[in-house]
PDB file of all heavy atoms in Angstrom:
ATOM      1  N   ALA A   1       0.853  -1.211   0.002  1.00  0.00           N
ATOM      2  CA  ALA A   1       0.013  -0.026  -0.010  1.00  0.00           C
ATOM      3  C   ALA A   1       0.898   1.274  -0.022  1.00  0.00           C
ATOM      4  O   ALA A   1       0.564   2.201   0.639  1.00  0.00           O
ATOM      5  CB  ALA A   1      -0.960  -0.034   1.214  1.00  0.00           C
ATOM      6  N   ALA A   2       1.965   1.139  -0.707  1.00  0.00           N
ATOM      7  CA  ALA A   2       2.923   2.308  -0.655  1.00  0.00           C
ATOM      8  C   ALA A   2       2.276   3.543  -1.219  1.00  0.00           C
ATOM      9  O   ALA A   2       2.628   4.648  -0.819  1.00  0.00           O
ATOM     10  CB  ALA A   2       4.186   1.947  -1.546  1.00  0.00           C
ATOM     11  N   ASP A   3       1.419   3.422  -2.180  1.00  0.00           N
ATOM     12  CA  ASP A   3       0.827   4.697  -2.782  1.00  0.00           C
ATOM     13  C   ASP A   3      -0.226   5.321  -1.889  1.00  0.00           C
ATOM     14  O   ASP A   3      -0.733   6.316  -2.179  1.00  0.00           O
ATOM     15  CB  ASP A   3       0.192   4.341  -4.137  1.00  0.00           C
ATOM     16  CG  ASP A   3      -0.934   3.337  -4.016  1.00  0.00           C
ATOM     17  OD1 ASP A   3      -1.092   2.701  -2.943  1.00  0.00           O
ATOM     18  OD2 ASP A   3      -1.668   3.121  -5.034  1.00  0.00           O
ATOM     19  N   ALA A   4      -0.439   4.718  -0.675  1.00  0.00           N
ATOM     20  CA  ALA A   4      -1.472   5.265   0.261  1.00  0.00           C
ATOM     21  C   ALA A   4      -0.725   6.066   1.317  1.00  0.00           C
ATOM     22  O   ALA A   4      -1.373   6.347   2.347  1.00  0.00           O
ATOM     23  CB  ALA A   4      -2.274   4.079   0.915  1.00  0.00           C
ATOM     24  N   LEU A   5       0.406   6.532   1.090  1.00  0.00           N
ATOM     25  CA  LEU A   5       1.165   7.319   2.044  1.00  0.00           C
ATOM     26  C   LEU A   5       1.886   8.469   1.357  1.00  0.00           C
ATOM     27  O   LEU A   5       2.554   8.249   0.369  1.00  0.00           O
ATOM     28  CB  LEU A   5       2.200   6.457   2.790  1.00  0.00           C
ATOM     29  CG  LEU A   5       3.013   7.180   3.842  1.00  0.00           C
ATOM     30  CD1 LEU A   5       2.176   7.387   5.094  1.00  0.00           C
ATOM     31  CD2 LEU A   5       4.318   6.363   4.228  1.00  0.00           C
ATOM     32  N   PRO A   6       1.764   9.677   1.881  1.00  0.00           N
ATOM     33  CA  PRO A   6       2.515  10.857   1.248  1.00  0.00           C
ATOM     34  C   PRO A   6       3.974  10.864   1.681  1.00  0.00           C
ATOM     35  O   PRO A   6       4.457  11.692   2.383  1.00  0.00           O
ATOM     36  CB  PRO A   6       1.715  12.050   1.866  1.00  0.00           C
ATOM     37  CG  PRO A   6       1.239  11.607   3.145  1.00  0.00           C
ATOM     38  CD  PRO A   6       0.948  10.142   3.036  1.00  0.00           C
ATOM     39  N   ASP A   7       4.678   9.807   1.281  1.00  0.00           N
ATOM     40  CA  ASP A   7       6.019   9.547   1.721  1.00  0.00           C
ATOM     41  C   ASP A   7       6.985  10.725   1.463  1.00  0.00           C
ATOM     42  O   ASP A   7       7.851  10.911   2.212  1.00  0.00           O
ATOM     43  CB  ASP A   7       6.522   8.243   1.169  1.00  0.00           C
ATOM     44  CG  ASP A   7       7.813   7.839   1.772  1.00  0.00           C
ATOM     45  OD1 ASP A   7       7.971   7.673   2.905  1.00  0.00           O
ATOM     46  OD2 ASP A   7       8.767   7.688   1.002  1.00  0.00           O
ATOM     47  N   ALA A   8       6.797  11.304   0.331  1.00  0.00           N
ATOM     48  CA  ALA A   8       7.742  12.393  -0.051  1.00  0.00           C
ATOM     49  C   ALA A   8       7.784  13.534   0.966  1.00  0.00           C
ATOM     50  O   ALA A   8       8.817  14.153   1.153  1.00  0.00           O
ATOM     51  CB  ALA A   8       7.374  12.998  -1.432  1.00  0.00           C
ATOM     52  N   ASP A   9       6.710  13.733   1.675  1.00  0.00           N
ATOM     53  CA  ASP A   9       6.637  14.748   2.651  1.00  0.00           C
ATOM     54  C   ASP A   9       7.056  14.314   4.120  1.00  0.00           C
ATOM     55  O   ASP A   9       7.113  15.103   5.054  1.00  0.00           O
ATOM     56  CB  ASP A   9       5.223  15.366   2.765  1.00  0.00           C
ATOM     57  CG  ASP A   9       4.832  15.998   1.436  1.00  0.00           C
ATOM     58  OD1 ASP A   9       5.556  17.020   1.112  1.00  0.00           O
ATOM     59  OD2 ASP A   9       3.868  15.606   0.811  1.00  0.00           O
ATOM     60  N   LEU A  10       7.311  13.001   4.197  1.00  0.00           N
ATOM     61  CA  LEU A  10       7.572  12.401   5.572  1.00  0.00           C
ATOM     62  C   LEU A  10       8.935  11.809   5.638  1.00  0.00           C
ATOM     63  O   LEU A  10       9.562  11.805   6.780  1.00  0.00           O
ATOM     64  CB  LEU A  10       6.534  11.346   5.896  1.00  0.00           C
ATOM     65  CG  LEU A  10       5.082  11.860   6.001  1.00  0.00           C
ATOM     66  CD1 LEU A  10       4.214  10.601   6.153  1.00  0.00           C
ATOM     67  CD2 LEU A  10       4.963  12.798   7.174  1.00  0.00           C
ATOM     68  N   ALA A  11       9.466  11.345   4.519  1.00  0.00           N
ATOM     69  CA  ALA A  11      10.810  10.556   4.567  1.00  0.00           C
ATOM     70  C   ALA A  11      11.935  11.465   5.038  1.00  0.00           C
ATOM     71  O   ALA A  11      12.823  10.893   5.635  1.00  0.00           O
ATOM     72  CB  ALA A  11      11.092   9.966   3.215  1.00  0.00           C
ATOM     73  N   ALA A  12      11.882  12.740   4.772  1.00  0.00           N
ATOM     74  CA  ALA A  12      12.970  13.610   5.211  1.00  0.00           C
ATOM     75  C   ALA A  12      12.924  13.827   6.664  1.00  0.00           C
ATOM     76  O   ALA A  12      13.934  14.285   7.251  1.00  0.00           O
ATOM     77  CB  ALA A  12      12.961  15.006   4.448  1.00  0.00           C
ATOM     78  N   VAL A  13      11.804  13.464   7.363  1.00  0.00           N
ATOM     79  CA  VAL A  13      11.682  13.834   8.792  1.00  0.00           C
ATOM     80  C   VAL A  13      11.745  12.549   9.603  1.00  0.00           C
ATOM     81  O   VAL A  13      12.332  12.564  10.687  1.00  0.00           O
ATOM     82  CB  VAL A  13      10.297  14.499   9.057  1.00  0.00           C
ATOM     83  CG1 VAL A  13      10.182  14.822  10.575  1.00  0.00           C
ATOM     84  CG2 VAL A  13      10.127  15.725   8.229  1.00  0.00           C
ATOM     85  N   PHE A  14      11.201  11.461   9.086  1.00  0.00           N
ATOM     86  CA  PHE A  14      11.114  10.158   9.825  1.00  0.00           C
ATOM     87  C   PHE A  14      12.034   9.071   9.365  1.00  0.00           C
ATOM     88  O   PHE A  14      12.298   9.013   8.188  1.00  0.00           O
ATOM     89  CB  PHE A  14       9.632   9.680   9.803  1.00  0.00           C
ATOM     90  CG  PHE A  14       8.597  10.607  10.313  1.00  0.00           C
ATOM     91  CD1 PHE A  14       7.314  10.676   9.843  1.00  0.00           C
ATOM     92  CD2 PHE A  14       8.850  11.482  11.385  1.00  0.00           C
ATOM     93  CE1 PHE A  14       6.322  11.459  10.338  1.00  0.00           C
ATOM     94  CE2 PHE A  14       7.959  12.239  11.949  1.00  0.00           C
ATOM     95  CZ  PHE A  14       6.712  12.302  11.458  1.00  0.00           C
ATOM     96  N   ASP A  15      12.420   8.288  10.281  1.00  0.00           N
ATOM     97  CA  ASP A  15      13.196   7.049  10.077  1.00  0.00           C
ATOM     98  C   ASP A  15      12.240   5.878  10.365  1.00  0.00           C
ATOM     99  O   ASP A  15      11.939   5.786  11.553  1.00  0.00           O
ATOM    100  CB  ASP A  15      14.435   7.069  10.882  1.00  0.00           C
ATOM    101  CG  ASP A  15      15.325   5.854  10.584  1.00  0.00           C
ATOM    102  OD1 ASP A  15      15.083   5.156   9.550  1.00  0.00           O
ATOM    103  OD2 ASP A  15      16.189   5.458  11.460  1.00  0.00           O
ATOM    104  N   TYR A  16      11.775   5.179   9.338  1.00  0.00           N
ATOM    105  CA  TYR A  16      10.709   4.226   9.586  1.00  0.00           C
ATOM    106  C   TYR A  16      11.155   2.899  10.155  1.00  0.00           C
ATOM    107  O   TYR A  16      12.224   2.411   9.842  1.00  0.00           O
ATOM    108  CB  TYR A  16      10.019   3.972   8.215  1.00  0.00           C
ATOM    109  CG  TYR A  16       9.299   5.039   7.575  1.00  0.00           C
ATOM    110  CD1 TYR A  16       9.375   5.267   6.262  1.00  0.00           C
ATOM    111  CD2 TYR A  16       8.512   5.952   8.294  1.00  0.00           C
ATOM    112  CE1 TYR A  16       8.759   6.279   5.560  1.00  0.00           C
ATOM    113  CE2 TYR A  16       7.848   6.963   7.694  1.00  0.00           C
ATOM    114  CZ  TYR A  16       7.945   7.176   6.287  1.00  0.00           C
ATOM    115  OH  TYR A  16       7.286   8.162   5.705  1.00  0.00           O
ATOM    116  N   GLU A  17      10.403   2.367  11.049  1.00  0.00           N
ATOM    117  CA  GLU A  17      10.532   1.012  11.536  1.00  0.00           C
ATOM    118  C   GLU A  17       9.358   0.139  11.106  1.00  0.00           C
ATOM    119  O   GLU A  17       8.234   0.289  11.736  1.00  0.00           O
ATOM    120  CB  GLU A  17      10.650   1.023  13.096  1.00  0.00           C
ATOM    121  CG  GLU A  17      10.629  -0.338  13.757  1.00  0.00           C
ATOM    122  CD  GLU A  17      11.905  -1.051  13.636  1.00  0.00           C
ATOM    123  OE1 GLU A  17      12.947  -0.384  13.444  1.00  0.00           O
ATOM    124  OE2 GLU A  17      11.833  -2.305  13.593  1.00  0.00           O
ATOM    125  N   PRO A  18       9.334  -0.505   9.985  1.00  0.00           N
ATOM    126  CA  PRO A  18       8.144  -1.206   9.457  1.00  0.00           C
ATOM    127  C   PRO A  18       7.784  -2.427  10.327  1.00  0.00           C
ATOM    128  O   PRO A  18       8.599  -3.124  10.715  1.00  0.00           O
ATOM    129  CB  PRO A  18       8.560  -1.649   8.067  1.00  0.00           C
ATOM    130  CG  PRO A  18       9.894  -0.945   7.827  1.00  0.00           C
ATOM    131  CD  PRO A  18      10.519  -0.666   9.143  1.00  0.00           C
ATOM    132  N   ILE A  19       6.449  -2.526  10.589  1.00  0.00           N
ATOM    133  CA  ILE A  19       5.916  -3.624  11.316  1.00  0.00           C
ATOM    134  C   ILE A  19       4.615  -4.107  10.591  1.00  0.00           C
ATOM    135  O   ILE A  19       3.768  -3.297  10.296  1.00  0.00           O
ATOM    136  CB  ILE A  19       5.554  -3.210  12.780  1.00  0.00           C
ATOM    137  CG1 ILE A  19       6.688  -2.548  13.457  1.00  0.00           C
ATOM    138  CG2 ILE A  19       5.070  -4.363  13.605  1.00  0.00           C
ATOM    139  CD1 ILE A  19       7.793  -3.446  13.835  1.00  0.00           C
ATOM    140  N   CYS A  20       4.495  -5.438  10.537  1.00  0.00           N
ATOM    141  CA  CYS A  20       3.278  -5.963  10.118  1.00  0.00           C
ATOM    142  C   CYS A  20       2.796  -6.998  11.138  1.00  0.00           C
ATOM    143  O   CYS A  20       3.409  -8.036  11.307  1.00  0.00           O
ATOM    144  CB  CYS A  20       3.435  -6.768   8.670  1.00  0.00           C
ATOM    145  SG  CYS A  20       1.921  -7.604   8.199  1.00  0.00           S
ATOM    146  N   PRO A  21       1.819  -6.673  11.939  1.00  0.00           N
ATOM    147  CA  PRO A  21       1.409  -7.543  13.013  1.00  0.00           C
ATOM    148  C   PRO A  21       0.934  -8.918  12.506  1.00  0.00           C
ATOM    149  O   PRO A  21       1.196  -9.916  13.225  1.00  0.00           O
ATOM    150  CB  PRO A  21       0.252  -6.781  13.683  1.00  0.00           C
ATOM    151  CG  PRO A  21      -0.164  -5.756  12.712  1.00  0.00           C
ATOM    152  CD  PRO A  21       0.955  -5.423  11.844  1.00  0.00           C
ATOM    153  N   GLU A  22       0.251  -9.007  11.309  1.00  0.00           N
ATOM    154  CA  GLU A  22      -0.159 -10.322  10.864  1.00  0.00           C
ATOM    155  C   GLU A  22       0.978 -11.219  10.610  1.00  0.00           C
ATOM    156  O   GLU A  22       1.029 -12.420  10.966  1.00  0.00           O
ATOM    157  CB  GLU A  22      -1.070 -10.134   9.594  1.00  0.00           C
ATOM    158  CG  GLU A  22      -2.373  -9.591   9.836  1.00  0.00           C
ATOM    159  CD  GLU A  22      -2.431  -8.064   9.786  1.00  0.00           C
ATOM    160  OE1 GLU A  22      -1.360  -7.399   9.828  1.00  0.00           O
ATOM    161  OE2 GLU A  22      -3.506  -7.455   9.778  1.00  0.00           O
ATOM    162  N   MET A  23       2.043 -10.649   9.910  1.00  0.00           N
ATOM    163  CA  MET A  23       3.307 -11.333   9.718  1.00  0.00           C
ATOM    164  C   MET A  23       3.937 -11.714  11.024  1.00  0.00           C
ATOM    165  O   MET A  23       4.568 -12.852  11.254  1.00  0.00           O
ATOM    166  CB  MET A  23       4.272 -10.628   8.850  1.00  0.00           C
ATOM    167  CG  MET A  23       3.677 -10.405   7.361  1.00  0.00           C
ATOM    168  SD  MET A  23       3.691 -11.958   6.424  1.00  0.00           S
ATOM    169  CE  MET A  23       5.473 -12.086   6.136  1.00  0.00           C
ATOM    170  N   GLY A  24       3.892 -10.770  11.921  1.00  0.00           N
ATOM    171  CA  GLY A  24       4.502 -10.958  13.229  1.00  0.00           C
ATOM    172  C   GLY A  24       3.941 -12.100  14.035  1.00  0.00           C
ATOM    173  O   GLY A  24       4.659 -12.641  14.878  1.00  0.00           O
ATOM    174  N   ILE A  25       2.668 -12.376  13.884  1.00  0.00           N
ATOM    175  CA  ILE A  25       2.106 -13.527  14.584  1.00  0.00           C
ATOM    176  C   ILE A  25       2.043 -14.809  13.725  1.00  0.00           C
ATOM    177  O   ILE A  25       1.461 -15.751  14.101  1.00  0.00           O
ATOM    178  CB  ILE A  25       0.684 -13.242  15.137  1.00  0.00           C
ATOM    179  CG1 ILE A  25      -0.325 -12.964  13.936  1.00  0.00           C
ATOM    180  CG2 ILE A  25       0.686 -11.997  16.044  1.00  0.00           C
ATOM    181  CD1 ILE A  25      -1.730 -12.778  14.348  1.00  0.00           C
ATOM    182  N   GLY A  26       2.789 -14.773  12.618  1.00  0.00           N
ATOM    183  CA  GLY A  26       2.994 -15.993  11.873  1.00  0.00           C
ATOM    184  C   GLY A  26       1.964 -16.349  10.837  1.00  0.00           C
ATOM    185  O   GLY A  26       1.798 -17.461  10.410  1.00  0.00           O
TER     186      GLY A  26
END
């Protein structure tokens, strides 16, 4: 869902830690 985030306006400010809870619980 990368196109569902205004990343160009955020990437210069934030360092992302990606988490997927569904994957996290196997």
